[in-house]
């Protein structure tokens, strides 16, 4: 809730200059962050939190893959990512986790052992 309160205070302070863009990540005037500003702020926050610096693309990629590999339906993952093409999301962002690959290998091994 502190986030919403801060945005409300910024909107009040900016008055008519505030742009209600509808975006979540905005500057003090309600304008969406440009890519370089978003990256700079994210890296500053990572340093402040004492976590390893990662590219935002990699964090997005990991998040979407984690969601898809942990029971979130692919249609929901695609919509959450803002994609209109489900096949694009699956092709570019969704990758099987190592445990899933092992399960697949084990199942194939069982099949081949039964055929012998």
C-alpha atoms as a PDB file:
ATOM      1  CA  UNK A   1       0.000   0.000   0.000  1.00  0.00           C
ATOM      2  CA  UNK A   2       2.934   2.363   0.542  1.00  0.00           C
ATOM      3  CA  UNK A   3       3.532   2.272  -3.213  1.00  0.00           C
ATOM      4  CA  UNK A   4      -0.009   3.425  -4.004  1.00  0.00           C
ATOM      5  CA  UNK A   5       0.194   6.111  -1.335  1.00  0.00           C
ATOM      6  CA  UNK A   6       3.438   7.402  -2.825  1.00  0.00           C
ATOM      7  CA  UNK A   7       1.912   7.516  -6.317  1.00  0.00           C
ATOM      8  CA  UNK A   8      -1.133   9.362  -4.954  1.00  0.00           C
ATOM      9  CA  UNK A   9       1.114  11.914  -3.243  1.00  0.00           C
ATOM     10  CA  UNK A  10       3.135  12.416  -6.440  1.00  0.00           C
ATOM     11  CA  UNK A  11      -0.078  12.863  -8.438  1.00  0.00           C
ATOM     12  CA  UNK A  12      -1.349  15.443  -5.948  1.00  0.00           C
ATOM     13  CA  UNK A  13       1.968  17.314  -5.949  1.00  0.00           C
ATOM     14  CA  UNK A  14       2.165  17.387  -9.760  1.00  0.00           C
ATOM     15  CA  UNK A  15      -1.398  18.612 -10.166  1.00  0.00           C
ATOM     16  CA  UNK A  16      -2.406  19.140 -13.808  1.00  0.00           C
ATOM     17  CA  UNK A  17       1.094  18.152 -14.977  1.00  0.00           C
ATOM     18  CA  UNK A  18       0.496  14.543 -13.878  1.00  0.00           C
ATOM     19  CA  UNK A  19      -0.165  12.178 -16.773  1.00  0.00           C
ATOM     20  CA  UNK A  20      -2.503   9.290 -15.913  1.00  0.00           C
ATOM     21  CA  UNK A  21      -0.744   6.894 -18.307  1.00  0.00           C
ATOM     22  CA  UNK A  22      -2.166   3.713 -16.790  1.00  0.00           C
ATOM     23  CA  UNK A  23       1.324   2.254 -16.386  1.00  0.00           C
ATOM     24  CA  UNK A  24       2.501   0.903 -13.033  1.00  0.00           C
ATOM     25  CA  UNK A  25       6.150   1.951 -13.225  1.00  0.00           C
ATOM     26  CA  UNK A  26       6.088   5.690 -13.790  1.00  0.00           C
ATOM     27  CA  UNK A  27       8.073   8.766 -12.869  1.00  0.00           C
ATOM     28  CA  UNK A  28       6.847  11.535 -10.559  1.00  0.00           C
ATOM     29  CA  UNK A  29       4.696  12.970 -13.367  1.00  0.00           C
ATOM     30  CA  UNK A  30       3.002   9.681 -14.239  1.00  0.00           C
ATOM     31  CA  UNK A  31       4.993   9.112 -17.417  1.00  0.00           C
ATOM     32  CA  UNK A  32       6.222   5.570 -18.126  1.00  0.00           C
ATOM     33  CA  UNK A  33       9.915   4.977 -17.486  1.00  0.00           C
ATOM     34  CA  UNK A  34      12.105   4.794 -20.542  1.00  0.00           C
ATOM     35  CA  UNK A  35      14.105   1.562 -20.828  1.00  0.00           C
ATOM     36  CA  UNK A  36      17.407   3.116 -19.739  1.00  0.00           C
ATOM     37  CA  UNK A  37      15.805   4.793 -16.700  1.00  0.00           C
ATOM     38  CA  UNK A  38      14.101   1.551 -15.695  1.00  0.00           C
ATOM     39  CA  UNK A  39      17.387  -0.363 -16.018  1.00  0.00           C
ATOM     40  CA  UNK A  40      19.303   2.254 -14.013  1.00  0.00           C
ATOM     41  CA  UNK A  41      16.723   2.268 -11.225  1.00  0.00           C
ATOM     42  CA  UNK A  42      16.518  -1.539 -11.129  1.00  0.00           C
ATOM     43  CA  UNK A  43      20.311  -1.843 -10.886  1.00  0.00           C
ATOM     44  CA  UNK A  44      20.393   0.785  -8.137  1.00  0.00           C
ATOM     45  CA  UNK A  45      17.762  -1.148  -6.172  1.00  0.00           C
ATOM     46  CA  UNK A  46      19.643  -4.431  -6.693  1.00  0.00           C
ATOM     47  CA  UNK A  47      22.805  -2.831  -5.304  1.00  0.00           C
ATOM     48  CA  UNK A  48      20.875  -1.339  -2.395  1.00  0.00           C
ATOM     49  CA  UNK A  49      19.342  -4.744  -1.608  1.00  0.00           C
ATOM     50  CA  UNK A  50      22.741  -6.420  -1.864  1.00  0.00           C
ATOM     51  CA  UNK A  51      21.686  -8.877  -4.562  1.00  0.00           C
ATOM     52  CA  UNK A  52      23.504  -9.852  -7.727  1.00  0.00           C
ATOM     53  CA  UNK A  53      22.935  -7.455 -10.616  1.00  0.00           C
ATOM     54  CA  UNK A  54      21.024  -9.078 -13.471  1.00  0.00           C
ATOM     55  CA  UNK A  55      19.641  -7.786 -16.732  1.00  0.00           C
ATOM     56  CA  UNK A  56      15.912  -7.112 -16.523  1.00  0.00           C
ATOM     57  CA  UNK A  57      15.409  -9.273 -19.617  1.00  0.00           C
ATOM     58  CA  UNK A  58      17.016 -12.209 -17.800  1.00  0.00           C
ATOM     59  CA  UNK A  59      14.838 -11.626 -14.740  1.00  0.00           C
ATOM     60  CA  UNK A  60      11.733 -11.536 -16.961  1.00  0.00           C
ATOM     61  CA  UNK A  61      12.852 -14.686 -18.763  1.00  0.00           C
ATOM     62  CA  UNK A  62      13.479 -16.519 -15.500  1.00  0.00           C
ATOM     63  CA  UNK A  63      10.175 -15.363 -14.019  1.00  0.00           C
ATOM     64  CA  UNK A  64       8.124 -16.476 -17.026  1.00  0.00           C
ATOM     65  CA  UNK A  65       9.916 -19.832 -17.149  1.00  0.00           C
ATOM     66  CA  UNK A  66       9.403 -20.338 -13.412  1.00  0.00           C
ATOM     67  CA  UNK A  67       5.689 -19.555 -13.719  1.00  0.00           C
ATOM     68  CA  UNK A  68       5.251 -21.964 -16.645  1.00  0.00           C
ATOM     69  CA  UNK A  69       7.163 -24.742 -14.861  1.00  0.00           C
ATOM     70  CA  UNK A  70       5.215 -24.332 -11.631  1.00  0.00           C
ATOM     71  CA  UNK A  71       1.671 -24.864 -12.775  1.00  0.00           C
ATOM     72  CA  UNK A  72       0.665 -21.466 -14.125  1.00  0.00           C
ATOM     73  CA  UNK A  73      -1.225 -22.142 -17.382  1.00  0.00           C
ATOM     74  CA  UNK A  74       0.694 -21.025 -20.464  1.00  0.00           C
ATOM     75  CA  UNK A  75      -2.194 -18.781 -21.505  1.00  0.00           C
ATOM     76  CA  UNK A  76      -1.890 -16.923 -18.195  1.00  0.00           C
ATOM     77  CA  UNK A  77       1.912 -16.663 -18.520  1.00  0.00           C
ATOM     78  CA  UNK A  78       1.482 -15.259 -22.034  1.00  0.00           C
ATOM     79  CA  UNK A  79      -1.129 -12.723 -20.929  1.00  0.00           C
ATOM     80  CA  UNK A  80       0.969 -11.716 -17.896  1.00  0.00           C
ATOM     81  CA  UNK A  81       3.895 -11.073 -20.264  1.00  0.00           C
ATOM     82  CA  UNK A  82       1.681  -8.936 -22.493  1.00  0.00           C
ATOM     83  CA  UNK A  83       1.928 -11.260 -25.468  1.00  0.00           C
ATOM     84  CA  UNK A  84      -0.983 -11.830 -27.834  1.00  0.00           C
ATOM     85  CA  UNK A  85       0.666 -14.899 -29.379  1.00  0.00           C
ATOM     86  CA  UNK A  86       0.852 -17.906 -27.037  1.00  0.00           C
ATOM     87  CA  UNK A  87       3.251 -19.764 -29.335  1.00  0.00           C
ATOM     88  CA  UNK A  88       5.700 -16.835 -29.120  1.00  0.00           C
ATOM     89  CA  UNK A  89       5.698 -16.998 -25.316  1.00  0.00           C
ATOM     90  CA  UNK A  90       6.243 -20.750 -25.329  1.00  0.00           C
ATOM     91  CA  UNK A  91       8.960 -20.588 -27.990  1.00  0.00           C
ATOM     92  CA  UNK A  92      10.947 -17.661 -26.588  1.00  0.00           C
ATOM     93  CA  UNK A  93      10.371 -17.577 -22.837  1.00  0.00           C
ATOM     94  CA  UNK A  94       9.249 -20.958 -21.586  1.00  0.00           C
ATOM     95  CA  UNK A  95      11.905 -23.598 -21.058  1.00  0.00           C
ATOM     96  CA  UNK A  96      11.678 -26.875 -19.176  1.00  0.00           C
ATOM     97  CA  UNK A  97      13.417 -26.972 -15.838  1.00  0.00           C
ATOM     98  CA  UNK A  98      16.123 -29.608 -15.212  1.00  0.00           C
ATOM     99  CA  UNK A  99      13.777 -31.704 -13.049  1.00  0.00           C
ATOM    100  CA  UNK A 100      11.234 -31.904 -15.889  1.00  0.00           C
ATOM    101  CA  UNK A 101      13.970 -32.997 -18.275  1.00  0.00           C
ATOM    102  CA  UNK A 102      15.005 -35.767 -15.857  1.00  0.00           C
ATOM    103  CA  UNK A 103      11.414 -36.986 -15.540  1.00  0.00           C
ATOM    104  CA  UNK A 104      11.205 -37.142 -19.338  1.00  0.00           C
ATOM    105  CA  UNK A 105      14.469 -39.090 -19.543  1.00  0.00           C
ATOM    106  CA  UNK A 106      13.310 -41.527 -16.865  1.00  0.00           C
ATOM    107  CA  UNK A 107      10.006 -42.131 -18.672  1.00  0.00           C
ATOM    108  CA  UNK A 108      11.795 -42.733 -21.964  1.00  0.00           C
ATOM    109  CA  UNK A 109      14.148 -45.154 -20.196  1.00  0.00           C
ATOM    110  CA  UNK A 110      11.158 -47.079 -18.816  1.00  0.00           C
ATOM    111  CA  UNK A 111       9.607 -47.256 -22.250  1.00  0.00           C
ATOM    112  CA  UNK A 112      12.790 -48.507 -23.884  1.00  0.00           C
ATOM    113  CA  UNK A 113      13.443 -51.025 -21.091  1.00  0.00           C
ATOM    114  CA  UNK A 114       9.948 -52.447 -21.567  1.00  0.00           C
ATOM    115  CA  UNK A 115      10.460 -52.833 -25.329  1.00  0.00           C
ATOM    116  CA  UNK A 116      13.600 -54.946 -24.889  1.00  0.00           C
END
